């Protein structure tokens, strides 16, 4: 991104614009110049948007990872309902950011929580969904741990 900033010298662009106006060049030249400057701004704006989206996705993944860990901690102290809530929240985020590994892990954890709560049919449903994702992404270790 720094290369783009180096290529676009705004002081130079302003000087060229002043020269065009001082010389009284036709509006066609001015329009061509303004279009080239506008193109540089569009490149900068679109790159900024990509960076912002990446940072947002990274922040959401970190949040989901924290929720997954929080669920693990709750589960270890037999707070199954609290673990269930944390894992459900993590699942929503993993699906939003299209993190299939995280989604599969969350589904597997939800299956374990439902099993611990005696809801065996639901536990099986979640474990099957987790298994399907783990097969899809070829996560053999994940399938062993189910």
N, C-alpha and C. Protein backbone atom coordinates (compact mmCIF):
# COMPACT_ATOMS: atom_id res chain seq x y z
N UNK A 1 0.82 -1.18 0.00
CA UNK A 1 0.00 0.00 0.00
C UNK A 1 0.86 1.25 0.00
N UNK A 2 2.04 1.18 0.62
CA UNK A 2 2.94 2.33 0.63
C UNK A 2 3.39 2.68 -0.78
N UNK A 3 3.52 1.67 -1.65
CA UNK A 3 3.92 1.93 -3.03
C UNK A 3 2.92 2.84 -3.72
N UNK A 4 1.65 2.62 -3.44
CA UNK A 4 0.62 3.46 -4.06
C UNK A 4 0.77 4.89 -3.58
N UNK A 5 1.02 5.06 -2.28
CA UNK A 5 1.19 6.41 -1.76
C UNK A 5 2.39 7.09 -2.40
N UNK A 6 3.45 6.34 -2.66
CA UNK A 6 4.62 6.92 -3.30
C UNK A 6 4.32 7.30 -4.75
N UNK A 7 3.52 6.47 -5.43
CA UNK A 7 3.20 6.74 -6.82
C UNK A 7 2.32 7.97 -6.96
N UNK A 8 1.47 8.20 -5.99
CA UNK A 8 0.54 9.32 -6.05
C UNK A 8 1.13 10.46 -5.26
N UNK A 9 1.66 11.42 -5.95
CA UNK A 9 2.22 12.58 -5.30
C UNK A 9 1.19 13.69 -5.42
N UNK A 10 0.47 13.93 -4.33
CA UNK A 10 -0.63 14.87 -4.38
C UNK A 10 -0.17 16.31 -4.61
N UNK A 11 1.01 16.67 -4.11
CA UNK A 11 1.53 18.03 -4.35
C UNK A 11 1.77 18.21 -5.85
N UNK A 12 2.34 17.19 -6.48
CA UNK A 12 2.59 17.23 -7.91
C UNK A 12 1.28 17.36 -8.67
N UNK A 13 0.28 16.61 -8.23
CA UNK A 13 -1.03 16.66 -8.89
C UNK A 13 -1.64 18.05 -8.77
N UNK A 14 -1.51 18.69 -7.62
CA UNK A 14 -2.05 20.03 -7.42
C UNK A 14 -1.34 21.04 -8.32
N UNK A 15 -0.03 20.90 -8.48
CA UNK A 15 0.74 21.80 -9.34
C UNK A 15 0.29 21.65 -10.80
N UNK A 16 0.07 20.42 -11.25
CA UNK A 16 -0.39 20.20 -12.62
C UNK A 16 -1.76 20.83 -12.84
N UNK A 17 -2.62 20.72 -11.85
CA UNK A 17 -3.94 21.31 -11.95
C UNK A 17 -3.84 22.83 -12.07
N UNK A 18 -2.97 23.45 -11.28
CA UNK A 18 -2.78 24.91 -11.35
C UNK A 18 -2.27 25.32 -12.74
N UNK A 19 -1.34 24.52 -13.28
CA UNK A 19 -0.80 24.82 -14.61
C UNK A 19 -1.90 24.75 -15.68
N UNK A 20 -2.73 23.71 -15.58
CA UNK A 20 -3.83 23.58 -16.54
C UNK A 20 -4.75 24.78 -16.47
N UNK A 21 -5.06 25.19 -15.25
CA UNK A 21 -5.98 26.32 -15.09
C UNK A 21 -5.33 27.62 -15.54
N UNK A 22 -4.05 27.82 -15.24
CA UNK A 22 -3.35 29.06 -15.60
C UNK A 22 -3.19 29.18 -17.11
N UNK A 23 -2.91 28.09 -17.78
CA UNK A 23 -2.71 28.11 -19.22
C UNK A 23 -4.05 28.29 -19.93
N UNK A 24 -5.10 27.93 -19.26
CA UNK A 24 -6.41 28.04 -19.89
C UNK A 24 -6.67 26.86 -20.82
N UNK A 25 -6.11 25.72 -20.49
CA UNK A 25 -6.30 24.52 -21.30
C UNK A 25 -7.77 24.19 -21.38
N UNK A 26 -8.09 23.50 -22.41
CA UNK A 26 -9.48 23.12 -22.61
C UNK A 26 -10.00 22.23 -21.49
N UNK A 27 -11.30 22.20 -21.39
CA UNK A 27 -11.92 21.40 -20.32
C UNK A 27 -11.67 19.92 -20.51
N UNK A 28 -11.37 19.49 -21.72
CA UNK A 28 -11.08 18.08 -21.96
C UNK A 28 -9.81 17.64 -21.22
N UNK A 29 -8.75 18.47 -21.29
CA UNK A 29 -7.52 18.13 -20.58
C UNK A 29 -7.76 18.10 -19.07
N UNK A 30 -8.51 19.07 -18.58
CA UNK A 30 -8.81 19.12 -17.15
C UNK A 30 -9.59 17.87 -16.74
N UNK A 31 -10.55 17.49 -17.56
CA UNK A 31 -11.36 16.32 -17.24
C UNK A 31 -10.49 15.05 -17.22
N UNK A 32 -9.58 14.91 -18.17
CA UNK A 32 -8.69 13.76 -18.22
C UNK A 32 -7.80 13.72 -16.98
N UNK A 33 -7.28 14.89 -16.62
CA UNK A 33 -6.44 14.96 -15.43
C UNK A 33 -7.22 14.57 -14.17
N UNK A 34 -8.42 15.13 -14.02
CA UNK A 34 -9.23 14.84 -12.83
C UNK A 34 -9.62 13.37 -12.77
N UNK A 35 -9.85 12.76 -13.93
CA UNK A 35 -10.18 11.34 -13.95
C UNK A 35 -8.99 10.50 -13.48
N UNK A 36 -7.78 10.89 -13.86
CA UNK A 36 -6.62 10.13 -13.42
C UNK A 36 -6.40 10.27 -11.92
N UNK A 37 -6.61 11.49 -11.40
CA UNK A 37 -6.49 11.69 -9.95
C UNK A 37 -7.59 10.89 -9.24
N UNK A 38 -8.81 10.92 -9.78
CA UNK A 38 -9.92 10.20 -9.16
C UNK A 38 -9.64 8.69 -9.17
N UNK A 39 -9.02 8.20 -10.23
CA UNK A 39 -8.66 6.78 -10.29
C UNK A 39 -7.70 6.40 -9.18
N UNK A 40 -6.74 7.28 -8.88
CA UNK A 40 -5.80 7.01 -7.79
C UNK A 40 -6.54 6.95 -6.45
N UNK A 41 -7.48 7.87 -6.25
CA UNK A 41 -8.26 7.87 -5.01
C UNK A 41 -9.08 6.59 -4.89
N UNK A 42 -9.67 6.13 -6.00
CA UNK A 42 -10.45 4.89 -5.97
C UNK A 42 -9.59 3.70 -5.58
N UNK A 43 -8.37 3.64 -6.09
CA UNK A 43 -7.46 2.55 -5.73
C UNK A 43 -7.18 2.59 -4.23
N UNK A 44 -6.90 3.78 -3.71
CA UNK A 44 -6.62 3.91 -2.28
C UNK A 44 -7.83 3.51 -1.44
N UNK A 45 -9.02 3.96 -1.86
CA UNK A 45 -10.24 3.65 -1.11
C UNK A 45 -10.53 2.15 -1.11
N UNK A 46 -10.39 1.51 -2.27
CA UNK A 46 -10.70 0.08 -2.32
C UNK A 46 -9.69 -0.74 -1.52
N UNK A 47 -8.41 -0.34 -1.54
CA UNK A 47 -7.43 -1.06 -0.72
C UNK A 47 -7.70 -0.85 0.75
N UNK A 48 -8.13 0.34 1.14
CA UNK A 48 -8.47 0.60 2.54
C UNK A 48 -9.65 -0.25 2.97
N UNK A 49 -10.62 -0.42 2.09
CA UNK A 49 -11.79 -1.23 2.41
C UNK A 49 -11.40 -2.69 2.63
N UNK A 50 -10.50 -3.20 1.79
CA UNK A 50 -10.04 -4.59 1.94
C UNK A 50 -9.31 -4.77 3.26
N UNK A 51 -8.45 -3.82 3.62
CA UNK A 51 -7.73 -3.89 4.89
C UNK A 51 -8.71 -3.86 6.05
N UNK A 52 -9.72 -2.98 5.99
CA UNK A 52 -10.70 -2.88 7.07
C UNK A 52 -11.50 -4.17 7.20
N UNK A 53 -11.89 -4.79 6.08
CA UNK A 53 -12.63 -6.04 6.14
C UNK A 53 -11.78 -7.15 6.75
N UNK A 54 -10.51 -7.20 6.40
CA UNK A 54 -9.61 -8.21 6.94
C UNK A 54 -9.46 -8.04 8.44
N UNK A 55 -9.29 -6.79 8.88
CA UNK A 55 -9.15 -6.53 10.31
C UNK A 55 -10.43 -6.90 11.04
N UNK A 56 -11.59 -6.60 10.44
CA UNK A 56 -12.86 -6.93 11.06
C UNK A 56 -13.01 -8.45 11.18
N UNK A 57 -12.70 -9.19 10.12
CA UNK A 57 -12.80 -10.65 10.15
C UNK A 57 -11.85 -11.23 11.19
N UNK A 58 -10.64 -10.68 11.27
CA UNK A 58 -9.68 -11.15 12.26
C UNK A 58 -10.19 -10.89 13.68
N UNK A 59 -10.77 -9.73 13.88
CA UNK A 59 -11.31 -9.39 15.21
C UNK A 59 -12.48 -10.31 15.57
N UNK A 60 -13.34 -10.59 14.59
CA UNK A 60 -14.48 -11.49 14.83
C UNK A 60 -13.99 -12.91 15.14
N UNK A 61 -12.97 -13.36 14.42
CA UNK A 61 -12.42 -14.70 14.69
C UNK A 61 -11.84 -14.75 16.09
N UNK A 62 -11.12 -13.71 16.49
CA UNK A 62 -10.55 -13.67 17.84
C UNK A 62 -11.67 -13.71 18.89
N UNK A 63 -12.75 -13.01 18.61
CA UNK A 63 -13.89 -13.02 19.53
C UNK A 63 -14.50 -14.43 19.62
N UNK A 64 -14.67 -15.08 18.49
CA UNK A 64 -15.22 -16.44 18.47
C UNK A 64 -14.28 -17.41 19.19
N UNK A 65 -12.99 -17.26 18.98
CA UNK A 65 -12.01 -18.11 19.66
C UNK A 65 -12.09 -17.94 21.17
N UNK A 66 -12.26 -16.68 21.61
CA UNK A 66 -12.40 -16.42 23.06
C UNK A 66 -13.67 -17.07 23.61
N UNK A 67 -14.76 -16.97 22.85
CA UNK A 67 -16.01 -17.60 23.29
C UNK A 67 -15.88 -19.12 23.36
N UNK A 68 -15.19 -19.70 22.40
CA UNK A 68 -14.96 -21.14 22.41
C UNK A 68 -14.18 -21.54 23.65
N UNK A 69 -13.12 -20.79 23.96
CA UNK A 69 -12.30 -21.06 25.15
C UNK A 69 -13.12 -20.85 26.43
N UNK A 70 -13.92 -19.79 26.43
CA UNK A 70 -14.77 -19.53 27.59
C UNK A 70 -15.74 -20.69 27.82
N UNK A 71 -16.28 -21.22 26.73
CA UNK A 71 -17.17 -22.38 26.84
C UNK A 71 -16.45 -23.59 27.41
N UNK A 72 -15.20 -23.79 26.99
CA UNK A 72 -14.39 -24.91 27.52
C UNK A 72 -14.20 -24.76 29.02
N UNK A 73 -13.90 -23.54 29.46
CA UNK A 73 -13.69 -23.30 30.89
C UNK A 73 -14.98 -23.54 31.68
N UNK A 74 -16.10 -23.10 31.14
CA UNK A 74 -17.40 -23.33 31.82
C UNK A 74 -17.71 -24.82 31.87
N UNK A 75 -17.42 -25.51 30.79
CA UNK A 75 -17.71 -26.94 30.73
C UNK A 75 -16.89 -27.70 31.77
N UNK A 76 -15.62 -27.32 31.93
CA UNK A 76 -14.74 -28.00 32.88
C UNK A 76 -15.23 -27.85 34.32
N UNK A 77 -16.00 -26.80 34.60
CA UNK A 77 -16.54 -26.61 35.96
C UNK A 77 -18.00 -27.02 36.03
N UNK A 78 -18.42 -27.87 35.09
CA UNK A 78 -19.78 -28.43 35.03
C UNK A 78 -20.87 -27.38 34.86
N UNK A 79 -20.54 -26.23 34.29
CA UNK A 79 -21.53 -25.20 33.98
C UNK A 79 -21.96 -25.39 32.52
N UNK A 80 -22.72 -26.47 32.31
CA UNK A 80 -23.03 -26.90 30.95
C UNK A 80 -23.89 -25.89 30.18
N UNK A 81 -24.87 -25.28 30.84
CA UNK A 81 -25.72 -24.29 30.17
C UNK A 81 -24.90 -23.08 29.74
N UNK A 82 -24.01 -22.62 30.62
CA UNK A 82 -23.15 -21.47 30.29
C UNK A 82 -22.20 -21.82 29.14
N UNK A 83 -21.68 -23.03 29.17
CA UNK A 83 -20.79 -23.49 28.08
C UNK A 83 -21.57 -23.52 26.77
N UNK A 84 -22.79 -24.02 26.85
CA UNK A 84 -23.66 -24.10 25.68
C UNK A 84 -23.87 -22.72 25.06
N UNK A 85 -24.13 -21.73 25.89
CA UNK A 85 -24.35 -20.37 25.39
C UNK A 85 -23.10 -19.81 24.72
N UNK A 86 -21.95 -20.00 25.34
CA UNK A 86 -20.70 -19.51 24.75
C UNK A 86 -20.44 -20.17 23.40
N UNK A 87 -20.64 -21.47 23.33
CA UNK A 87 -20.39 -22.20 22.09
C UNK A 87 -21.39 -21.81 21.00
N UNK A 88 -22.64 -21.54 21.38
CA UNK A 88 -23.63 -21.10 20.40
C UNK A 88 -23.23 -19.74 19.81
N UNK A 89 -22.77 -18.84 20.67
CA UNK A 89 -22.33 -17.52 20.20
C UNK A 89 -21.12 -17.66 19.27
N UNK A 90 -20.20 -18.52 19.65
CA UNK A 90 -19.02 -18.75 18.81
C UNK A 90 -19.44 -19.30 17.45
N UNK A 91 -20.39 -20.23 17.46
CA UNK A 91 -20.87 -20.84 16.22
C UNK A 91 -21.43 -19.79 15.26
N UNK A 92 -22.21 -18.87 15.80
CA UNK A 92 -22.79 -17.80 14.96
C UNK A 92 -21.68 -16.99 14.29
N UNK A 93 -20.68 -16.64 15.04
CA UNK A 93 -19.58 -15.83 14.49
C UNK A 93 -18.78 -16.62 13.46
N UNK A 94 -18.46 -17.87 13.78
CA UNK A 94 -17.70 -18.68 12.83
C UNK A 94 -18.47 -18.82 11.50
N UNK A 95 -19.78 -18.95 11.59
CA UNK A 95 -20.57 -19.03 10.35
C UNK A 95 -20.55 -17.71 9.60
N UNK A 96 -20.64 -16.59 10.33
CA UNK A 96 -20.60 -15.27 9.69
C UNK A 96 -19.32 -15.06 8.91
N UNK A 97 -18.20 -15.47 9.50
CA UNK A 97 -16.90 -15.23 8.85
C UNK A 97 -16.48 -16.42 7.99
N UNK A 98 -17.36 -17.41 7.88
CA UNK A 98 -17.13 -18.59 7.04
C UNK A 98 -15.87 -19.36 7.43
N UNK A 99 -15.69 -19.54 8.73
CA UNK A 99 -14.57 -20.31 9.27
C UNK A 99 -15.09 -21.72 9.53
N UNK A 100 -14.87 -22.61 8.58
CA UNK A 100 -15.43 -23.97 8.67
C UNK A 100 -14.79 -24.77 9.81
N UNK A 101 -13.52 -24.58 10.04
CA UNK A 101 -12.85 -25.29 11.14
C UNK A 101 -13.49 -24.90 12.47
N UNK A 102 -13.64 -23.59 12.70
CA UNK A 102 -14.26 -23.11 13.93
C UNK A 102 -15.69 -23.57 14.05
N UNK A 103 -16.40 -23.55 12.93
CA UNK A 103 -17.79 -24.01 12.93
C UNK A 103 -17.88 -25.48 13.33
N UNK A 104 -17.02 -26.29 12.76
CA UNK A 104 -17.01 -27.72 13.10
C UNK A 104 -16.67 -27.96 14.55
N UNK A 105 -15.69 -27.21 15.07
CA UNK A 105 -15.33 -27.35 16.48
C UNK A 105 -16.48 -26.94 17.40
N UNK A 106 -17.14 -25.84 17.06
CA UNK A 106 -18.26 -25.36 17.87
C UNK A 106 -19.40 -26.38 17.88
N UNK A 107 -19.69 -26.92 16.71
CA UNK A 107 -20.76 -27.92 16.62
C UNK A 107 -20.43 -29.15 17.46
N UNK A 108 -19.18 -29.59 17.41
CA UNK A 108 -18.77 -30.74 18.23
C UNK A 108 -18.89 -30.45 19.71
N UNK A 109 -18.47 -29.25 20.11
CA UNK A 109 -18.59 -28.87 21.52
C UNK A 109 -20.05 -28.79 21.95
N UNK A 110 -20.90 -28.26 21.07
CA UNK A 110 -22.33 -28.20 21.39
C UNK A 110 -22.90 -29.60 21.56
N UNK A 111 -22.44 -30.52 20.74
CA UNK A 111 -22.89 -31.91 20.89
C UNK A 111 -22.50 -32.48 22.24
N UNK A 112 -21.29 -32.19 22.69
CA UNK A 112 -20.83 -32.67 24.00
C UNK A 112 -21.67 -32.03 25.12
N UNK A 113 -21.96 -30.74 24.98
CA UNK A 113 -22.77 -30.05 26.00
C UNK A 113 -24.16 -30.65 26.08
N UNK A 114 -24.80 -30.87 24.92
CA UNK A 114 -26.14 -31.46 24.93
C UNK A 114 -26.11 -32.87 25.51
N UNK A 115 -25.07 -33.62 25.23
CA UNK A 115 -24.92 -34.95 25.81
C UNK A 115 -24.86 -34.86 27.34
N UNK A 116 -24.07 -33.89 27.83
CA UNK A 116 -23.92 -33.72 29.27
C UNK A 116 -25.22 -33.28 29.94
N UNK A 117 -26.08 -32.63 29.17
CA UNK A 117 -27.38 -32.20 29.70
C UNK A 117 -28.45 -33.28 29.52
N UNK A 118 -28.06 -34.42 28.96
CA UNK A 118 -29.00 -35.53 28.79
C UNK A 118 -29.87 -35.39 27.55
N UNK A 119 -29.54 -34.48 26.66
CA UNK A 119 -30.32 -34.28 25.43
C UNK A 119 -29.59 -35.02 24.30
N UNK A 120 -29.76 -36.33 24.31
CA UNK A 120 -28.95 -37.20 23.46
C UNK A 120 -29.25 -37.07 21.96
N UNK A 121 -30.51 -36.87 21.60
CA UNK A 121 -30.86 -36.74 20.19
C UNK A 121 -30.20 -35.48 19.62
N UNK A 122 -30.31 -34.39 20.38
CA UNK A 122 -29.66 -33.15 19.93
C UNK A 122 -28.15 -33.31 19.88
N UNK A 123 -27.60 -34.00 20.85
CA UNK A 123 -26.14 -34.23 20.88
C UNK A 123 -25.70 -34.94 19.60
N UNK A 124 -26.44 -35.95 19.21
CA UNK A 124 -26.11 -36.70 18.00
C UNK A 124 -26.22 -35.81 16.76
N UNK A 125 -27.26 -34.97 16.70
CA UNK A 125 -27.44 -34.07 15.55
C UNK A 125 -26.24 -33.13 15.40
N UNK A 126 -25.81 -32.55 16.51
CA UNK A 126 -24.67 -31.63 16.45
C UNK A 126 -23.38 -32.36 16.12
N UNK A 127 -23.19 -33.54 16.68
CA UNK A 127 -21.98 -34.30 16.38
C UNK A 127 -21.94 -34.71 14.90
N UNK A 128 -23.11 -35.04 14.34
CA UNK A 128 -23.14 -35.41 12.92
C UNK A 128 -22.80 -34.20 12.03
N UNK A 129 -23.32 -33.03 12.40
CA UNK A 129 -22.98 -31.83 11.63
C UNK A 129 -21.49 -31.53 11.72
N UNK A 130 -20.94 -31.68 12.92
CA UNK A 130 -19.51 -31.46 13.12
C UNK A 130 -18.69 -32.43 12.28
N UNK A 131 -19.08 -33.69 12.31
CA UNK A 131 -18.38 -34.71 11.55
C UNK A 131 -18.42 -34.42 10.05
N UNK A 132 -19.57 -33.98 9.55
CA UNK A 132 -19.70 -33.66 8.12
C UNK A 132 -18.73 -32.55 7.73
N UNK A 133 -18.62 -31.52 8.56
CA UNK A 133 -17.70 -30.42 8.25
C UNK A 133 -16.26 -30.90 8.33
N UNK A 134 -15.95 -31.68 9.34
CA UNK A 134 -14.57 -32.16 9.50
C UNK A 134 -14.18 -33.07 8.33
N UNK A 135 -15.12 -33.83 7.81
CA UNK A 135 -14.82 -34.61 6.61
C UNK A 135 -14.61 -33.70 5.41
N UNK A 136 -15.47 -32.68 5.30
CA UNK A 136 -15.39 -31.74 4.17
C UNK A 136 -14.02 -31.04 4.13
N UNK A 137 -13.54 -30.62 5.29
CA UNK A 137 -12.27 -29.89 5.33
C UNK A 137 -11.07 -30.82 5.55
N UNK A 138 -11.38 -32.13 5.55
CA UNK A 138 -10.33 -33.17 5.70
C UNK A 138 -9.56 -33.03 7.01
N UNK A 139 -10.30 -32.80 8.08
CA UNK A 139 -9.71 -32.68 9.41
C UNK A 139 -9.81 -34.04 10.10
N UNK A 140 -8.84 -34.89 9.84
CA UNK A 140 -8.87 -36.26 10.38
C UNK A 140 -8.69 -36.28 11.89
N UNK A 141 -7.87 -35.40 12.42
CA UNK A 141 -7.70 -35.34 13.86
C UNK A 141 -8.99 -34.94 14.56
N UNK A 142 -9.69 -33.99 13.99
CA UNK A 142 -10.96 -33.55 14.56
C UNK A 142 -11.97 -34.68 14.65
N UNK A 143 -11.97 -35.56 13.63
CA UNK A 143 -12.90 -36.68 13.65
C UNK A 143 -12.55 -37.69 14.72
N UNK A 144 -11.26 -37.85 14.99
CA UNK A 144 -10.82 -38.80 16.03
C UNK A 144 -11.28 -38.30 17.39
N UNK A 145 -11.25 -36.98 17.60
CA UNK A 145 -11.57 -36.42 18.90
C UNK A 145 -13.07 -36.34 19.19
N UNK A 146 -13.91 -36.63 18.20
CA UNK A 146 -15.36 -36.51 18.43
C UNK A 146 -15.88 -37.59 19.34
